[in-house]
Amino acid sequence: MLRLAFWLTALLLLPLGLGLYWLPQETADLLGASPLWLVRGAGALLTAWSLGLLYAGYRTDPTGRVNLVSGNLLLAATLGAAALRLDLPSEITVLALSALLLAFGLVGLLARPPAVAAQPASVRDAAVRDEAVPHD
């Protein structure tokens, strides 16, 4: 369940980040997004964050879990506050996105991480040896 929260959050933010990064000037002017370099920076940040979440979904650890929860809750709060200024159809869409991110954040907060102790001792020991060996 925790991995699913990581992957769905990443798959939600990746197209948004790429769309913002490659946003044409005409569309940015239509949306009132100015300056364009700020929009591109936000798109690059969302893209990097979503790729980090995809990676963290494969190797779930407490740090990645805190990043998922804090990032989703902060983004949900920011989008929720911004939605109050929009017209009705856009407001509903942004509030739905905010609720989805809030749900993924709560899943990350409440879901149990995969148990390391459930693996056989030989697998656990091999994983510890692999992490202890420096890779060039």
C-alpha atoms as a PDB file:
ATOM      1  CA  MET A   1       0.000   0.000   0.000  1.00  0.00           C
ATOM      2  CA  LEU A   2       2.870   2.346   0.805  1.00  0.00           C
ATOM      3  CA  ARG A   3       4.588   1.673  -2.518  1.00  0.00           C
ATOM      4  CA  LEU A   4       1.320   2.362  -4.287  1.00  0.00           C
ATOM      5  CA  ALA A   5       1.120   5.774  -2.589  1.00  0.00           C
ATOM      6  CA  PHE A   6       4.661   6.566  -3.761  1.00  0.00           C
ATOM      7  CA  TRP A   7       4.023   5.486  -7.339  1.00  0.00           C
ATOM      8  CA  LEU A   8       0.592   7.114  -7.719  1.00  0.00           C
ATOM      9  CA  THR A   9       1.880  10.401  -6.326  1.00  0.00           C
ATOM     10  CA  ALA A  10       4.818  10.278  -8.725  1.00  0.00           C
ATOM     11  CA  LEU A  11       2.597   9.404 -11.680  1.00  0.00           C
ATOM     12  CA  LEU A  12       0.312  12.289 -10.757  1.00  0.00           C
ATOM     13  CA  LEU A  13       3.125  14.836 -10.488  1.00  0.00           C
ATOM     14  CA  LEU A  14       5.329  13.705 -13.384  1.00  0.00           C
ATOM     15  CA  PRO A  15       3.002  14.819 -16.209  1.00  0.00           C
ATOM     16  CA  LEU A  16       2.250  18.037 -14.332  1.00  0.00           C
ATOM     17  CA  GLY A  17       5.956  18.814 -13.945  1.00  0.00           C
ATOM     18  CA  LEU A  18       6.748  18.013 -17.565  1.00  0.00           C
ATOM     19  CA  GLY A  19       3.757  20.039 -18.726  1.00  0.00           C
ATOM     20  CA  LEU A  20       4.868  23.068 -16.733  1.00  0.00           C
ATOM     21  CA  TYR A  21       8.442  22.728 -17.907  1.00  0.00           C
ATOM     22  CA  TRP A  22       7.482  22.616 -21.601  1.00  0.00           C
ATOM     23  CA  LEU A  23       4.615  25.126 -21.317  1.00  0.00           C
ATOM     24  CA  PRO A  24       4.471  27.340 -24.437  1.00  0.00           C
ATOM     25  CA  GLN A  25       4.700  31.105 -24.022  1.00  0.00           C
ATOM     26  CA  GLU A  26       1.182  31.656 -25.414  1.00  0.00           C
ATOM     27  CA  THR A  27      -0.380  29.267 -22.899  1.00  0.00           C
ATOM     28  CA  ALA A  28       1.586  30.830 -20.056  1.00  0.00           C
ATOM     29  CA  ASP A  29       0.310  34.268 -21.097  1.00  0.00           C
ATOM     30  CA  LEU A  30      -3.238  32.923 -21.272  1.00  0.00           C
ATOM     31  CA  LEU A  31      -2.952  31.456 -17.759  1.00  0.00           C
ATOM     32  CA  GLY A  32      -1.279  34.574 -16.411  1.00  0.00           C
ATOM     33  CA  ALA A  33       1.859  32.662 -15.422  1.00  0.00           C
ATOM     34  CA  SER A  34       4.681  35.161 -15.424  1.00  0.00           C
ATOM     35  CA  PRO A  35       7.699  35.120 -15.497  1.00  0.00           C
ATOM     36  CA  LEU A  36       8.117  32.015 -17.610  1.00  0.00           C
ATOM     37  CA  TRP A  37      11.418  30.980 -16.002  1.00  0.00           C
ATOM     38  CA  LEU A  38       9.572  30.601 -12.684  1.00  0.00           C
ATOM     39  CA  VAL A  39       7.041  28.253 -14.294  1.00  0.00           C
ATOM     40  CA  ARG A  40       9.853  26.227 -15.876  1.00  0.00           C
ATOM     41  CA  GLY A  41      11.666  26.041 -12.526  1.00  0.00           C
ATOM     42  CA  ALA A  42       8.510  24.779 -10.823  1.00  0.00           C
ATOM     43  CA  GLY A  43       8.088  22.176 -13.579  1.00  0.00           C
ATOM     44  CA  ALA A  44      11.669  20.995 -13.171  1.00  0.00           C
ATOM     45  CA  LEU A  45      11.202  20.767  -9.394  1.00  0.00           C
ATOM     46  CA  LEU A  46       7.998  18.728  -9.721  1.00  0.00           C
ATOM     47  CA  THR A  47       9.628  16.435 -12.282  1.00  0.00           C
ATOM     48  CA  ALA A  48      12.664  15.829 -10.055  1.00  0.00           C
ATOM     49  CA  TRP A  49      10.448  15.268  -7.032  1.00  0.00           C
ATOM     50  CA  SER A  50       8.270  12.748  -8.878  1.00  0.00           C
ATOM     51  CA  LEU A  51      11.315  10.829 -10.137  1.00  0.00           C
ATOM     52  CA  GLY A  52      12.630  10.755  -6.561  1.00  0.00           C
ATOM     53  CA  LEU A  53       9.284   9.373  -5.403  1.00  0.00           C
ATOM     54  CA  LEU A  54       9.405   6.665  -8.075  1.00  0.00           C
ATOM     55  CA  TYR A  55      12.844   5.632  -6.837  1.00  0.00           C
ATOM     56  CA  ALA A  56      11.758   5.790  -3.196  1.00  0.00           C
ATOM     57  CA  GLY A  57       8.840   3.502  -4.033  1.00  0.00           C
ATOM     58  CA  TYR A  58      11.306   0.746  -4.877  1.00  0.00           C
ATOM     59  CA  ARG A  59      13.393   1.220  -1.714  1.00  0.00           C
ATOM     60  CA  THR A  60      11.006   2.272   1.020  1.00  0.00           C
ATOM     61  CA  ASP A  61      12.769   3.721   4.043  1.00  0.00           C
ATOM     62  CA  PRO A  62      11.760   6.109   6.842  1.00  0.00           C
ATOM     63  CA  THR A  63      13.332   9.136   5.129  1.00  0.00           C
ATOM     64  CA  GLY A  64      11.422   8.580   1.900  1.00  0.00           C
ATOM     65  CA  ARG A  65       8.262   8.056   3.880  1.00  0.00           C
ATOM     66  CA  VAL A  66       8.679  11.384   5.677  1.00  0.00           C
ATOM     67  CA  ASN A  67       9.345  13.081   2.334  1.00  0.00           C
ATOM     68  CA  LEU A  68       6.184  11.584   0.834  1.00  0.00           C
ATOM     69  CA  VAL A  69       3.986  12.578   3.747  1.00  0.00           C
ATOM     70  CA  SER A  70       5.350  16.084   4.260  1.00  0.00           C
ATOM     71  CA  GLY A  71       5.460  16.886   0.548  1.00  0.00           C
ATOM     72  CA  ASN A  72       1.922  15.683  -0.100  1.00  0.00           C
ATOM     73  CA  LEU A  73       0.447  17.441   2.927  1.00  0.00           C
ATOM     74  CA  LEU A  74       2.197  20.725   2.120  1.00  0.00           C
ATOM     75  CA  LEU A  75       1.165  20.551  -1.526  1.00  0.00           C
ATOM     76  CA  ALA A  76      -2.437  19.702  -0.580  1.00  0.00           C
ATOM     77  CA  ALA A  77      -2.584  22.675   1.803  1.00  0.00           C
ATOM     78  CA  THR A  78      -1.112  25.026  -0.799  1.00  0.00           C
ATOM     79  CA  LEU A  79      -3.482  23.865  -3.531  1.00  0.00           C
ATOM     80  CA  GLY A  80      -6.466  24.014  -1.176  1.00  0.00           C
ATOM     81  CA  ALA A  81      -5.756  27.615  -0.256  1.00  0.00           C
ATOM     82  CA  ALA A  82      -5.142  28.588  -3.889  1.00  0.00           C
ATOM     83  CA  ALA A  83      -8.382  26.933  -5.016  1.00  0.00           C
ATOM     84  CA  LEU A  84     -10.467  29.391  -3.007  1.00  0.00           C
ATOM     85  CA  ARG A  85      -9.552  32.181  -5.474  1.00  0.00           C
ATOM     86  CA  LEU A  86     -10.588  30.303  -8.610  1.00  0.00           C
ATOM     87  CA  ASP A  87     -13.917  30.079 -10.405  1.00  0.00           C
ATOM     88  CA  LEU A  88     -16.174  27.121  -9.646  1.00  0.00           C
ATOM     89  CA  PRO A  89     -15.107  24.448 -12.213  1.00  0.00           C
ATOM     90  CA  SER A  90     -11.404  25.105 -11.643  1.00  0.00           C
ATOM     91  CA  GLU A  91     -11.934  25.245  -7.893  1.00  0.00           C
ATOM     92  CA  ILE A  92     -13.538  21.799  -7.852  1.00  0.00           C
ATOM     93  CA  THR A  93     -10.722  20.338  -9.959  1.00  0.00           C
ATOM     94  CA  VAL A  94      -7.975  21.795  -7.782  1.00  0.00           C
ATOM     95  CA  LEU A  95      -9.763  20.776  -4.574  1.00  0.00           C
ATOM     96  CA  ALA A  96     -10.126  17.214  -5.928  1.00  0.00           C
ATOM     97  CA  LEU A  97      -6.391  17.130  -6.714  1.00  0.00           C
ATOM     98  CA  SER A  98      -5.671  18.467  -3.232  1.00  0.00           C
ATOM     99  CA  ALA A  99      -7.882  15.792  -1.665  1.00  0.00           C
ATOM    100  CA  LEU A 100      -6.114  13.082  -3.685  1.00  0.00           C
ATOM    101  CA  LEU A 101      -2.691  14.282  -2.516  1.00  0.00           C
ATOM    102  CA  LEU A 102      -3.994  14.478   1.051  1.00  0.00           C
ATOM    103  CA  ALA A 103      -5.207  10.875   0.793  1.00  0.00           C
ATOM    104  CA  PHE A 104      -1.824   9.699  -0.545  1.00  0.00           C
ATOM    105  CA  GLY A 105      -0.085  11.565   2.286  1.00  0.00           C
ATOM    106  CA  LEU A 106      -2.307   9.920   4.889  1.00  0.00           C
ATOM    107  CA  VAL A 107      -1.698   6.496   3.346  1.00  0.00           C
ATOM    108  CA  GLY A 108       2.031   7.156   3.603  1.00  0.00           C
ATOM    109  CA  LEU A 109       1.597   8.200   7.218  1.00  0.00           C
ATOM    110  CA  LEU A 110      -0.593   5.298   8.297  1.00  0.00           C
ATOM    111  CA  ALA A 111       0.647   2.408   6.124  1.00  0.00           C
ATOM    112  CA  ARG A 112       3.047  -0.068   7.602  1.00  0.00           C
ATOM    113  CA  PRO A 113       6.411  -0.212   5.851  1.00  0.00           C
ATOM    114  CA  PRO A 114       7.515  -3.552   4.421  1.00  0.00           C
ATOM    115  CA  ALA A 115       8.915  -5.688   7.206  1.00  0.00           C
ATOM    116  CA  VAL A 116      12.614  -6.439   6.935  1.00  0.00           C
ATOM    117  CA  ALA A 117      12.345  -9.092   9.635  1.00  0.00           C
ATOM    118  CA  ALA A 118       9.961 -11.132   7.477  1.00  0.00           C
ATOM    119  CA  GLN A 119      12.774 -11.928   5.042  1.00  0.00           C
ATOM    120  CA  PRO A 120      14.966 -14.976   5.585  1.00  0.00           C
ATOM    121  CA  ALA A 121      18.208 -14.271   7.430  1.00  0.00           C
ATOM    122  CA  SER A 122      20.328 -15.059   4.354  1.00  0.00           C
ATOM    123  CA  VAL A 123      18.497 -12.416   2.286  1.00  0.00           C
ATOM    124  CA  ARG A 124      18.772  -9.856   5.091  1.00  0.00           C
ATOM    125  CA  ASP A 125      22.497 -10.527   5.540  1.00  0.00           C
ATOM    126  CA  ALA A 126      23.127 -10.288   1.785  1.00  0.00           C
ATOM    127  CA  ALA A 127      21.334  -6.928   1.666  1.00  0.00           C
ATOM    128  CA  VAL A 128      23.453  -5.633   4.554  1.00  0.00           C
ATOM    129  CA  ARG A 129      26.658  -6.834   2.847  1.00  0.00           C
ATOM    130  CA  ASP A 130      25.653  -5.189  -0.453  1.00  0.00           C
ATOM    131  CA  GLU A 131      25.007  -1.849   1.272  1.00  0.00           C
ATOM    132  CA  ALA A 132      28.297  -2.030   3.196  1.00  0.00           C
ATOM    133  CA  VAL A 133      30.400  -2.515   0.055  1.00  0.00           C
ATOM    134  CA  PRO A 134      31.264   0.827  -1.577  1.00  0.00           C
ATOM    135  CA  HIS A 135      30.218   0.970  -5.234  1.00  0.00           C
ATOM    136  CA  ASP A 136      32.290   3.039  -7.644  1.00  0.00           C
END
